[in-house]
């Protein structure tokens, strides 16, 4: 009986610590991919920054430089390039590193 209780506790911990957060991340990614529109700046899973110039159900055309357009799978979009999360410091809000070691 004690062994069964240990297995139940381990299974519950696995679900709460691994499965549930993964489901949330997957749902958030699906919502992001579904909400993409032309003109959005995004980052692919490969680290390529680009602006969406065209999209359909499975593919997205990204302009990565002026006149350079690549086609990627819609699911390959990792995140927006300019997230608008309030309170998150952007690059311009961070103190500049002047190279001195004042620590």
PDB file of N, CA and C in Angstrom:
ATOM      1  N   UNK A   1       0.828  -1.199   0.000  1.00  0.00           N
ATOM      2  CA  UNK A   1       0.000   0.000   0.000  1.00  0.00           C
ATOM      3  C   UNK A   1       0.865   1.251   0.000  1.00  0.00           C
ATOM      4  N   UNK A   2       1.966   1.213   0.756  1.00  0.00           N
ATOM      5  CA  UNK A   2       2.853   2.370   0.827  1.00  0.00           C
ATOM      6  C   UNK A   2       3.508   2.633  -0.521  1.00  0.00           C
ATOM      7  N   UNK A   3       3.867   1.569  -1.223  1.00  0.00           N
ATOM      8  CA  UNK A   3       4.501   1.720  -2.540  1.00  0.00           C
ATOM      9  C   UNK A   3       3.529   2.371  -3.517  1.00  0.00           C
ATOM     10  N   UNK A   4       2.266   2.000  -3.468  1.00  0.00           N
ATOM     11  CA  UNK A   4       1.259   2.595  -4.346  1.00  0.00           C
ATOM     12  C   UNK A   4       1.124   4.085  -4.039  1.00  0.00           C
ATOM     13  N   UNK A   5       1.159   4.445  -2.774  1.00  0.00           N
ATOM     14  CA  UNK A   5       1.062   5.853  -2.388  1.00  0.00           C
ATOM     15  C   UNK A   5       2.246   6.644  -2.927  1.00  0.00           C
ATOM     16  N   UNK A   6       3.457   6.068  -2.898  1.00  0.00           N
ATOM     17  CA  UNK A   6       4.631   6.739  -3.460  1.00  0.00           C
ATOM     18  C   UNK A   6       4.468   6.967  -4.959  1.00  0.00           C
ATOM     19  N   UNK A   7       3.967   5.951  -5.668  1.00  0.00           N
ATOM     20  CA  UNK A   7       3.753   6.095  -7.101  1.00  0.00           C
ATOM     21  C   UNK A   7       2.724   7.184  -7.412  1.00  0.00           C
ATOM     22  N   UNK A   8       1.689   7.267  -6.603  1.00  0.00           N
ATOM     23  CA  UNK A   8       0.664   8.294  -6.796  1.00  0.00           C
ATOM     24  C   UNK A   8       1.264   9.682  -6.573  1.00  0.00           C
ATOM     25  N   UNK A   9       2.068   9.827  -5.536  1.00  0.00           N
ATOM     26  CA  UNK A   9       2.712  11.119  -5.249  1.00  0.00           C
ATOM     27  C   UNK A   9       3.673  11.494  -6.367  1.00  0.00           C
ATOM     28  N   UNK A  10       4.455  10.550  -6.847  1.00  0.00           N
ATOM     29  CA  UNK A  10       5.401  10.824  -7.938  1.00  0.00           C
ATOM     30  C   UNK A  10       4.649  11.182  -9.216  1.00  0.00           C
ATOM     31  N   UNK A  11       3.581  10.468  -9.528  1.00  0.00           N
ATOM     32  CA  UNK A  11       2.794  10.769 -10.723  1.00  0.00           C
ATOM     33  C   UNK A  11       2.161  12.151 -10.628  1.00  0.00           C
ATOM     34  N   UNK A  12       1.648  12.500  -9.467  1.00  0.00           N
ATOM     35  CA  UNK A  12       1.048  13.815  -9.267  1.00  0.00           C
ATOM     36  C   UNK A  12       2.096  14.921  -9.403  1.00  0.00           C
ATOM     37  N   UNK A  13       3.263  14.714  -8.809  1.00  0.00           N
ATOM     38  CA  UNK A  13       4.339  15.699  -8.919  1.00  0.00           C
ATOM     39  C   UNK A  13       4.793  15.850 -10.362  1.00  0.00           C
ATOM     40  N   UNK A  14       4.913  14.758 -11.092  1.00  0.00           N
ATOM     41  CA  UNK A  14       5.289  14.799 -12.503  1.00  0.00           C
ATOM     42  C   UNK A  14       4.278  15.617 -13.293  1.00  0.00           C
ATOM     43  N   UNK A  15       3.013  15.368 -13.051  1.00  0.00           N
ATOM     44  CA  UNK A  15       1.971  16.107 -13.769  1.00  0.00           C
ATOM     45  C   UNK A  15       2.035  17.596 -13.454  1.00  0.00           C
ATOM     46  N   UNK A  16       2.156  17.942 -12.178  1.00  0.00           N
ATOM     47  CA  UNK A  16       2.141  19.351 -11.784  1.00  0.00           C
ATOM     48  C   UNK A  16       3.408  20.099 -12.206  1.00  0.00           C
ATOM     49  N   UNK A  17       4.544  19.429 -12.205  1.00  0.00           N
ATOM     50  CA  UNK A  17       5.811  20.107 -12.489  1.00  0.00           C
ATOM     51  C   UNK A  17       6.244  20.021 -13.951  1.00  0.00           C
ATOM     52  N   UNK A  18       5.783  19.037 -14.687  1.00  0.00           N
ATOM     53  CA  UNK A  18       6.235  18.848 -16.067  1.00  0.00           C
ATOM     54  C   UNK A  18       5.098  19.033 -17.069  1.00  0.00           C
ATOM     55  N   UNK A  19       4.065  18.249 -16.957  1.00  0.00           N
ATOM     56  CA  UNK A  19       3.012  18.208 -17.974  1.00  0.00           C
ATOM     57  C   UNK A  19       2.206  19.497 -18.022  1.00  0.00           C
ATOM     58  N   UNK A  20       1.765  19.979 -16.895  1.00  0.00           N
ATOM     59  CA  UNK A  20       0.911  21.167 -16.864  1.00  0.00           C
ATOM     60  C   UNK A  20       1.598  22.421 -17.408  1.00  0.00           C
ATOM     61  N   UNK A  21       2.832  22.734 -16.989  1.00  0.00           N
ATOM     62  CA  UNK A  21       3.501  23.902 -17.569  1.00  0.00           C
ATOM     63  C   UNK A  21       3.755  23.755 -19.078  1.00  0.00           C
ATOM     64  N   UNK A  22       4.048  22.536 -19.518  1.00  0.00           N
ATOM     65  CA  UNK A  22       4.259  22.320 -20.951  1.00  0.00           C
ATOM     66  C   UNK A  22       2.973  22.575 -21.731  1.00  0.00           C
ATOM     67  N   UNK A  23       1.854  22.153 -21.208  1.00  0.00           N
ATOM     68  CA  UNK A  23       0.563  22.405 -21.867  1.00  0.00           C
ATOM     69  C   UNK A  23       0.295  23.912 -21.964  1.00  0.00           C
ATOM     70  N   UNK A  24       0.632  24.650 -20.902  1.00  0.00           N
ATOM     71  CA  UNK A  24       0.430  26.105 -20.922  1.00  0.00           C
ATOM     72  C   UNK A  24       1.303  26.765 -21.985  1.00  0.00           C
ATOM     73  N   UNK A  25       2.584  26.351 -22.068  1.00  0.00           N
ATOM     74  CA  UNK A  25       3.478  26.908 -23.076  1.00  0.00           C
ATOM     75  C   UNK A  25       2.976  26.599 -24.479  1.00  0.00           C
ATOM     76  N   UNK A  26       2.506  25.382 -24.691  1.00  0.00           N
ATOM     77  CA  UNK A  26       1.992  24.982 -25.996  1.00  0.00           C
ATOM     78  C   UNK A  26       0.751  25.792 -26.365  1.00  0.00           C
ATOM     79  N   UNK A  27      -0.137  26.004 -25.417  1.00  0.00           N
ATOM     80  CA  UNK A  27      -1.341  26.793 -25.673  1.00  0.00           C
ATOM     81  C   UNK A  27      -0.986  28.243 -25.984  1.00  0.00           C
ATOM     82  N   UNK A  28      -0.008  28.797 -25.272  1.00  0.00           N
ATOM     83  CA  UNK A  28       0.420  30.173 -25.527  1.00  0.00           C
ATOM     84  C   UNK A  28       1.054  30.295 -26.910  1.00  0.00           C
ATOM     85  N   UNK A  29       1.835  29.296 -27.315  1.00  0.00           N
ATOM     86  CA  UNK A  29       2.458  29.330 -28.642  1.00  0.00           C
ATOM     87  C   UNK A  29       1.404  29.220 -29.736  1.00  0.00           C
ATOM     88  N   UNK A  30       0.422  28.345 -29.544  1.00  0.00           N
ATOM     89  CA  UNK A  30      -0.666  28.224 -30.529  1.00  0.00           C
ATOM     90  C   UNK A  30      -1.422  29.543 -30.670  1.00  0.00           C
ATOM     91  N   UNK A  31      -1.671  30.211 -29.550  1.00  0.00           N
ATOM     92  CA  UNK A  31      -2.370  31.500 -29.599  1.00  0.00           C
ATOM     93  C   UNK A  31      -1.525  32.543 -30.329  1.00  0.00           C
ATOM     94  N   UNK A  32      -0.221  32.540 -30.083  1.00  0.00           N
ATOM     95  CA  UNK A  32       0.670  33.470 -30.775  1.00  0.00           C
ATOM     96  C   UNK A  32       0.643  33.236 -32.271  1.00  0.00           C
ATOM     97  N   UNK A  33       0.780  31.988 -32.693  1.00  0.00           N
ATOM     98  CA  UNK A  33       0.819  31.657 -34.116  1.00  0.00           C
ATOM     99  C   UNK A  33      -0.518  31.989 -34.779  1.00  0.00           C
ATOM    100  N   UNK A  34      -1.614  31.777 -34.078  1.00  0.00           N
ATOM    101  CA  UNK A  34      -2.933  32.074 -34.638  1.00  0.00           C
ATOM    102  C   UNK A  34      -3.165  33.574 -34.774  1.00  0.00           C
ATOM    103  N   UNK A  35      -2.518  34.383 -33.956  1.00  0.00           N
ATOM    104  CA  UNK A  35      -2.754  35.826 -33.953  1.00  0.00           C
ATOM    105  C   UNK A  35      -1.793  36.595 -34.856  1.00  0.00           C
ATOM    106  N   UNK A  36      -0.917  35.919 -35.576  1.00  0.00           N
ATOM    107  CA  UNK A  36       0.042  36.620 -36.429  1.00  0.00           C
ATOM    108  C   UNK A  36      -0.659  37.337 -37.570  1.00  0.00           C
ATOM    109  N   UNK A  37      -0.153  38.532 -37.890  1.00  0.00           N
ATOM    110  CA  UNK A  37      -0.693  39.304 -39.004  1.00  0.00           C
ATOM    111  C   UNK A  37       0.460  39.868 -39.827  1.00  0.00           C
ATOM    112  N   UNK A  38       0.140  40.297 -41.026  1.00  0.00           N
ATOM    113  CA  UNK A  38       1.136  40.913 -41.896  1.00  0.00           C
ATOM    114  C   UNK A  38       1.657  42.184 -41.217  1.00  0.00           C
ATOM    115  N   UNK A  39       2.972  42.346 -41.215  1.00  0.00           N
ATOM    116  CA  UNK A  39       3.597  43.503 -40.594  1.00  0.00           C
ATOM    117  C   UNK A  39       4.186  43.229 -39.222  1.00  0.00           C
ATOM    118  N   UNK A  40       3.843  42.085 -38.624  1.00  0.00           N
ATOM    119  CA  UNK A  40       4.405  41.737 -37.318  1.00  0.00           C
ATOM    120  C   UNK A  40       5.888  41.415 -37.447  1.00  0.00           C
ATOM    121  N   UNK A  41       6.663  41.877 -36.482  1.00  0.00           N
ATOM    122  CA  UNK A  41       8.077  41.523 -36.424  1.00  0.00           C
ATOM    123  C   UNK A  41       8.210  40.331 -35.494  1.00  0.00           C
ATOM    124  N   UNK A  42       8.868  39.267 -35.989  1.00  0.00           N
ATOM    125  CA  UNK A  42       8.948  38.021 -35.231  1.00  0.00           C
ATOM    126  C   UNK A  42      10.367  37.472 -35.254  1.00  0.00           C
ATOM    127  N   UNK A  43      10.582  36.477 -34.380  1.00  0.00           N
ATOM    128  CA  UNK A  43      11.831  35.730 -34.329  1.00  0.00           C
ATOM    129  C   UNK A  43      11.476  34.268 -34.547  1.00  0.00           C
ATOM    130  N   UNK A  44      12.196  33.601 -35.448  1.00  0.00           N
ATOM    131  CA  UNK A  44      11.943  32.187 -35.690  1.00  0.00           C
ATOM    132  C   UNK A  44      12.662  31.348 -34.646  1.00  0.00           C
ATOM    133  N   UNK A  45      12.373  30.056 -34.630  1.00  0.00           N
ATOM    134  CA  UNK A  45      13.045  29.155 -33.700  1.00  0.00           C
ATOM    135  C   UNK A  45      14.528  29.049 -34.015  1.00  0.00           C
ATOM    136  N   UNK A  46      14.923  29.377 -35.235  1.00  0.00           N
ATOM    137  CA  UNK A  46      16.328  29.373 -35.619  1.00  0.00           C
ATOM    138  C   UNK A  46      17.035  30.671 -35.300  1.00  0.00           C
ATOM    139  N   UNK A  47      16.307  31.651 -34.761  1.00  0.00           N
ATOM    140  CA  UNK A  47      16.913  32.913 -34.372  1.00  0.00           C
ATOM    141  C   UNK A  47      16.917  33.971 -35.453  1.00  0.00           C
ATOM    142  N   UNK A  48      16.144  33.791 -36.501  1.00  0.00           N
ATOM    143  CA  UNK A  48      16.085  34.760 -37.594  1.00  0.00           C
ATOM    144  C   UNK A  48      15.021  35.806 -37.285  1.00  0.00           C
ATOM    145  N   UNK A  49      15.416  37.076 -37.339  1.00  0.00           N
ATOM    146  CA  UNK A  49      14.485  38.179 -37.150  1.00  0.00           C
ATOM    147  C   UNK A  49      13.905  38.540 -38.504  1.00  0.00           C
ATOM    148  N   UNK A  50      12.616  38.873 -38.552  1.00  0.00           N
ATOM    149  CA  UNK A  50      12.017  39.274 -39.808  1.00  0.00           C
ATOM    150  C   UNK A  50      10.649  39.884 -39.606  1.00  0.00           C
ATOM    151  N   UNK A  51      10.150  40.449 -40.694  1.00  0.00           N
ATOM    152  CA  UNK A  51       8.824  41.051 -40.716  1.00  0.00           C
ATOM    153  C   UNK A  51       7.938  40.230 -41.637  1.00  0.00           C
ATOM    154  N   UNK A  52       6.755  39.898 -41.185  1.00  0.00           N
ATOM    155  CA  UNK A  52       5.839  39.087 -41.980  1.00  0.00           C
ATOM    156  C   UNK A  52       5.302  39.927 -43.135  1.00  0.00           C
ATOM    157  N   UNK A  53       5.473  39.424 -44.367  1.00  0.00           N
ATOM    158  CA  UNK A  53       4.948  40.111 -45.542  1.00  0.00           C
ATOM    159  C   UNK A  53       3.774  39.364 -46.147  1.00  0.00           C
ATOM    160  N   UNK A  54       3.660  38.065 -45.897  1.00  0.00           N
ATOM    161  CA  UNK A  54       2.526  37.272 -46.369  1.00  0.00           C
ATOM    162  C   UNK A  54       2.421  36.034 -45.499  1.00  0.00           C
ATOM    163  N   UNK A  55       1.188  35.537 -45.357  1.00  0.00           N
ATOM    164  CA  UNK A  55       1.007  34.313 -44.592  1.00  0.00           C
ATOM    165  C   UNK A  55      -0.202  33.559 -45.090  1.00  0.00           C
ATOM    166  N   UNK A  56      -0.152  32.240 -44.915  1.00  0.00           N
ATOM    167  CA  UNK A  56      -1.310  31.394 -45.158  1.00  0.00           C
ATOM    168  C   UNK A  56      -1.410  30.389 -44.013  1.00  0.00           C
ATOM    169  N   UNK A  57      -2.137  29.316 -44.201  1.00  0.00           N
ATOM    170  CA  UNK A  57      -2.377  28.378 -43.096  1.00  0.00           C
ATOM    171  C   UNK A  57      -1.117  27.677 -42.609  1.00  0.00           C
ATOM    172  N   UNK A  58      -0.168  27.395 -43.508  1.00  0.00           N
ATOM    173  CA  UNK A  58       1.003  26.615 -43.125  1.00  0.00           C
ATOM    174  C   UNK A  58       2.321  27.356 -43.254  1.00  0.00           C
ATOM    175  N   UNK A  59       2.386  28.402 -44.064  1.00  0.00           N
ATOM    176  CA  UNK A  59       3.650  29.078 -44.351  1.00  0.00           C
ATOM    177  C   UNK A  59       3.559  30.571 -44.093  1.00  0.00           C
ATOM    178  N   UNK A  60       4.732  31.132 -43.819  1.00  0.00           N
ATOM    179  CA  UNK A  60       4.854  32.573 -43.623  1.00  0.00           C
ATOM    180  C   UNK A  60       6.029  33.054 -44.455  1.00  0.00           C
ATOM    181  N   UNK A  61       5.837  34.161 -45.146  1.00  0.00           N
ATOM    182  CA  UNK A  61       6.942  34.776 -45.862  1.00  0.00           C
ATOM    183  C   UNK A  61       7.469  35.912 -45.001  1.00  0.00           C
ATOM    184  N   UNK A  62       8.763  35.812 -44.671  1.00  0.00           N
ATOM    185  CA  UNK A  62       9.422  36.776 -43.796  1.00  0.00           C
ATOM    186  C   UNK A  62      10.411  37.600 -44.597  1.00  0.00           C
ATOM    187  N   UNK A  63      10.340  38.911 -44.435  1.00  0.00           N
ATOM    188  CA  UNK A  63      11.350  39.777 -45.022  1.00  0.00           C
ATOM    189  C   UNK A  63      12.427  39.959 -43.957  1.00  0.00           C
ATOM    190  N   UNK A  64      13.618  39.411 -44.231  1.00  0.00           N
ATOM    191  CA  UNK A  64      14.698  39.445 -43.259  1.00  0.00           C
ATOM    192  C   UNK A  64      15.656  40.598 -43.520  1.00  0.00           C
ATOM    193  N   UNK A  65      15.606  41.150 -44.712  1.00  0.00           N
ATOM    194  CA  UNK A  65      16.377  42.319 -45.094  1.00  0.00           C
ATOM    195  C   UNK A  65      15.628  42.953 -46.252  1.00  0.00           C
ATOM    196  N   UNK A  66      15.952  44.177 -46.572  1.00  0.00           N
ATOM    197  CA  UNK A  66      15.232  44.847 -47.643  1.00  0.00           C
ATOM    198  C   UNK A  66      15.356  44.035 -48.935  1.00  0.00           C
ATOM    199  N   UNK A  67      14.225  43.537 -49.427  1.00  0.00           N
ATOM    200  CA  UNK A  67      14.187  42.770 -50.661  1.00  0.00           C
ATOM    201  C   UNK A  67      14.511  41.295 -50.513  1.00  0.00           C
ATOM    202  N   UNK A  68      14.825  40.829 -49.315  1.00  0.00           N
ATOM    203  CA  UNK A  68      15.142  39.419 -49.087  1.00  0.00           C
ATOM    204  C   UNK A  68      13.992  38.781 -48.310  1.00  0.00           C
ATOM    205  N   UNK A  69      13.270  37.878 -48.990  1.00  0.00           N
ATOM    206  CA  UNK A  69      12.108  37.238 -48.380  1.00  0.00           C
ATOM    207  C   UNK A  69      12.356  35.737 -48.325  1.00  0.00           C
ATOM    208  N   UNK A  70      12.145  35.155 -47.152  1.00  0.00           N
ATOM    209  CA  UNK A  70      12.266  33.709 -46.993  1.00  0.00           C
ATOM    210  C   UNK A  70      10.912  33.149 -46.580  1.00  0.00           C
ATOM    211  N   UNK A  71      10.711  31.879 -46.873  1.00  0.00           N
ATOM    212  CA  UNK A  71       9.475  31.206 -46.487  1.00  0.00           C
ATOM    213  C   UNK A  71       9.790  30.235 -45.361  1.00  0.00           C
ATOM    214  N   UNK A  72       9.019  30.323 -44.277  1.00  0.00           N
ATOM    215  CA  UNK A  72       9.198  29.428 -43.133  1.00  0.00           C
ATOM    216  C   UNK A  72       7.848  28.825 -42.768  1.00  0.00           C
ATOM    217  N   UNK A  73       7.899  27.725 -42.051  1.00  0.00           N
ATOM    218  CA  UNK A  73       6.675  27.114 -41.550  1.00  0.00           C
ATOM    219  C   UNK A  73       6.070  28.016 -40.478  1.00  0.00           C
ATOM    220  N   UNK A  74       4.783  28.065 -40.448  1.00  0.00           N
ATOM    221  CA  UNK A  74       4.109  28.920 -39.467  1.00  0.00           C
ATOM    222  C   UNK A  74       4.478  28.530 -38.036  1.00  0.00           C
ATOM    223  N   UNK A  75       4.655  27.241 -37.793  1.00  0.00           N
ATOM    224  CA  UNK A  75       4.995  26.769 -36.445  1.00  0.00           C
ATOM    225  C   UNK A  75       6.428  27.120 -36.065  1.00  0.00           C
ATOM    226  N   UNK A  76       7.245  27.580 -37.010  1.00  0.00           N
ATOM    227  CA  UNK A  76       8.638  27.923 -36.719  1.00  0.00           C
ATOM    228  C   UNK A  76       8.782  29.300 -36.081  1.00  0.00           C
ATOM    229  N   UNK A  77       7.696  30.008 -35.901  1.00  0.00           N
ATOM    230  CA  UNK A  77       7.752  31.311 -35.243  1.00  0.00           C
ATOM    231  C   UNK A  77       7.830  31.075 -33.744  1.00  0.00           C
ATOM    232  N   UNK A  78       8.882  31.611 -33.126  1.00  0.00           N
ATOM    233  CA  UNK A  78       9.093  31.378 -31.695  1.00  0.00           C
ATOM    234  C   UNK A  78       8.451  32.453 -30.833  1.00  0.00           C
ATOM    235  N   UNK A  79       8.607  33.723 -31.240  1.00  0.00           N
ATOM    236  CA  UNK A  79       8.113  34.806 -30.399  1.00  0.00           C
ATOM    237  C   UNK A  79       8.083  36.095 -31.207  1.00  0.00           C
ATOM    238  N   UNK A  80       7.347  37.086 -30.713  1.00  0.00           N
ATOM    239  CA  UNK A  80       7.402  38.394 -31.361  1.00  0.00           C
ATOM    240  C   UNK A  80       8.760  39.044 -31.113  1.00  0.00           C
ATOM    241  N   UNK A  81       9.242  39.808 -32.067  1.00  0.00           N
ATOM    242  CA  UNK A  81      10.549  40.454 -31.913  1.00  0.00           C
ATOM    243  C   UNK A  81      10.487  41.621 -30.950  1.00  0.00           C
ATOM    244  N   UNK A  82       9.333  42.214 -30.823  1.00  0.00           N
ATOM    245  CA  UNK A  82       9.181  43.351 -29.916  1.00  0.00           C
ATOM    246  C   UNK A  82       8.016  43.089 -28.966  1.00  0.00           C
ATOM    247  N   UNK A  83       8.236  42.224 -27.977  1.00  0.00           N
ATOM    248  CA  UNK A  83       7.142  41.922 -27.049  1.00  0.00           C
ATOM    249  C   UNK A  83       6.713  43.168 -26.290  1.00  0.00           C
ATOM    250  N   UNK A  84       5.424  43.296 -26.109  1.00  0.00           N
ATOM    251  CA  UNK A  84       4.880  44.475 -25.436  1.00  0.00           C
ATOM    252  C   UNK A  84       4.362  44.080 -24.060  1.00  0.00           C
ATOM    253  N   UNK A  85       5.252  43.572 -23.227  1.00  0.00           N
ATOM    254  CA  UNK A  85       4.887  43.195 -21.869  1.00  0.00           C
ATOM    255  C   UNK A  85       5.175  44.387 -20.966  1.00  0.00           C
ATOM    256  N   UNK A  86       4.146  44.942 -20.319  1.00  0.00           N
ATOM    257  CA  UNK A  86       4.376  46.101 -19.461  1.00  0.00           C
ATOM    258  C   UNK A  86       5.339  45.765 -18.332  1.00  0.00           C
ATOM    259  N   UNK A  87       6.239  46.682 -18.058  1.00  0.00           N
ATOM    260  CA  UNK A  87       7.179  46.508 -16.968  1.00  0.00           C
ATOM    261  C   UNK A  87       8.443  45.761 -17.338  1.00  0.00           C
ATOM    262  N   UNK A  88       8.523  45.255 -18.568  1.00  0.00           N
ATOM    263  CA  UNK A  88       9.720  44.552 -19.004  1.00  0.00           C
ATOM    264  C   UNK A  88      10.686  45.567 -19.596  1.00  0.00           C
ATOM    265  N   UNK A  89      11.888  45.681 -19.057  1.00  0.00           N
ATOM    266  CA  UNK A  89      12.812  46.674 -19.590  1.00  0.00           C
ATOM    267  C   UNK A  89      13.299  46.287 -20.981  1.00  0.00           C
ATOM    268  N   UNK A  90      13.277  47.238 -21.875  1.00  0.00           N
ATOM    269  CA  UNK A  90      13.817  47.026 -23.210  1.00  0.00           C
ATOM    270  C   UNK A  90      15.296  47.323 -23.211  1.00  0.00           C
ATOM    271  N   UNK A  91      15.934  47.171 -24.346  1.00  0.00           N
ATOM    272  CA  UNK A  91      17.368  47.422 -24.445  1.00  0.00           C
ATOM    273  C   UNK A  91      17.685  48.868 -24.101  1.00  0.00           C
ATOM    274  N   UNK A  92      16.828  49.789 -24.528  1.00  0.00           N
ATOM    275  CA  UNK A  92      17.092  51.200 -24.270  1.00  0.00           C
ATOM    276  C   UNK A  92      16.935  51.569 -22.805  1.00  0.00           C
ATOM    277  N   UNK A  93      16.251  50.722 -22.013  1.00  0.00           N
ATOM    278  CA  UNK A  93      16.041  50.998 -20.598  1.00  0.00           C
ATOM    279  C   UNK A  93      17.162  50.470 -19.710  1.00  0.00           C
ATOM    280  N   UNK A  94      18.025  49.645 -20.261  1.00  0.00           N
ATOM    281  CA  UNK A  94      19.097  49.048 -19.462  1.00  0.00           C
ATOM    282  C   UNK A  94      20.298  49.982 -19.408  1.00  0.00           C
ATOM    283  N   UNK A  95      21.015  49.961 -18.299  1.00  0.00           N
ATOM    284  CA  UNK A  95      22.215  50.815 -18.217  1.00  0.00           C
ATOM    285  C   UNK A  95      23.283  50.327 -19.193  1.00  0.00           C
ATOM    286  N   UNK A  96      23.985  51.262 -19.786  1.00  0.00           N
ATOM    287  CA  UNK A  96      25.025  50.924 -20.749  1.00  0.00           C
ATOM    288  C   UNK A  96      26.233  50.328 -20.026  1.00  0.00           C
ATOM    289  N   UNK A  97      26.851  49.348 -20.655  1.00  0.00           N
ATOM    290  CA  UNK A  97      28.066  48.749 -20.114  1.00  0.00           C
ATOM    291  C   UNK A  97      29.239  49.518 -20.690  1.00  0.00           C
ATOM    292  N   UNK A  98      29.883  50.324 -19.865  1.00  0.00           N
ATOM    293  CA  UNK A  98      30.986  51.153 -20.342  1.00  0.00           C
ATOM    294  C   UNK A  98      32.342  50.459 -20.226  1.00  0.00           C
ATOM    295  N   UNK A  99      32.326  49.178 -19.869  1.00  0.00           N
ATOM    296  CA  UNK A  99      33.554  48.406 -19.811  1.00  0.00           C
ATOM    297  C   UNK A  99      34.321  48.523 -18.512  1.00  0.00           C
ATOM    298  N   UNK A 100      33.882  49.360 -17.595  1.00  0.00           N
ATOM    299  CA  UNK A 100      34.616  49.487 -16.336  1.00  0.00           C
ATOM    300  C   UNK A 100      34.167  48.406 -15.375  1.00  0.00           C
ATOM    301  N   UNK A 101      35.054  47.985 -14.518  1.00  0.00           N
ATOM    302  CA  UNK A 101      34.761  46.986 -13.503  1.00  0.00           C
ATOM    303  C   UNK A 101      34.725  47.659 -12.136  1.00  0.00           C
ATOM    304  N   UNK A 102      33.590  48.219 -11.789  1.00  0.00           N
ATOM    305  CA  UNK A 102      33.451  48.934 -10.519  1.00  0.00           C
ATOM    306  C   UNK A 102      32.989  48.030  -9.401  1.00  0.00           C
ATOM    307  N   UNK A 103      32.869  46.726  -9.658  1.00  0.00           N
ATOM    308  CA  UNK A 103      32.374  45.783  -8.642  1.00  0.00           C
ATOM    309  C   UNK A 103      33.296  45.639  -7.503  1.00  0.00           C
TER     310      UNK A 103
END
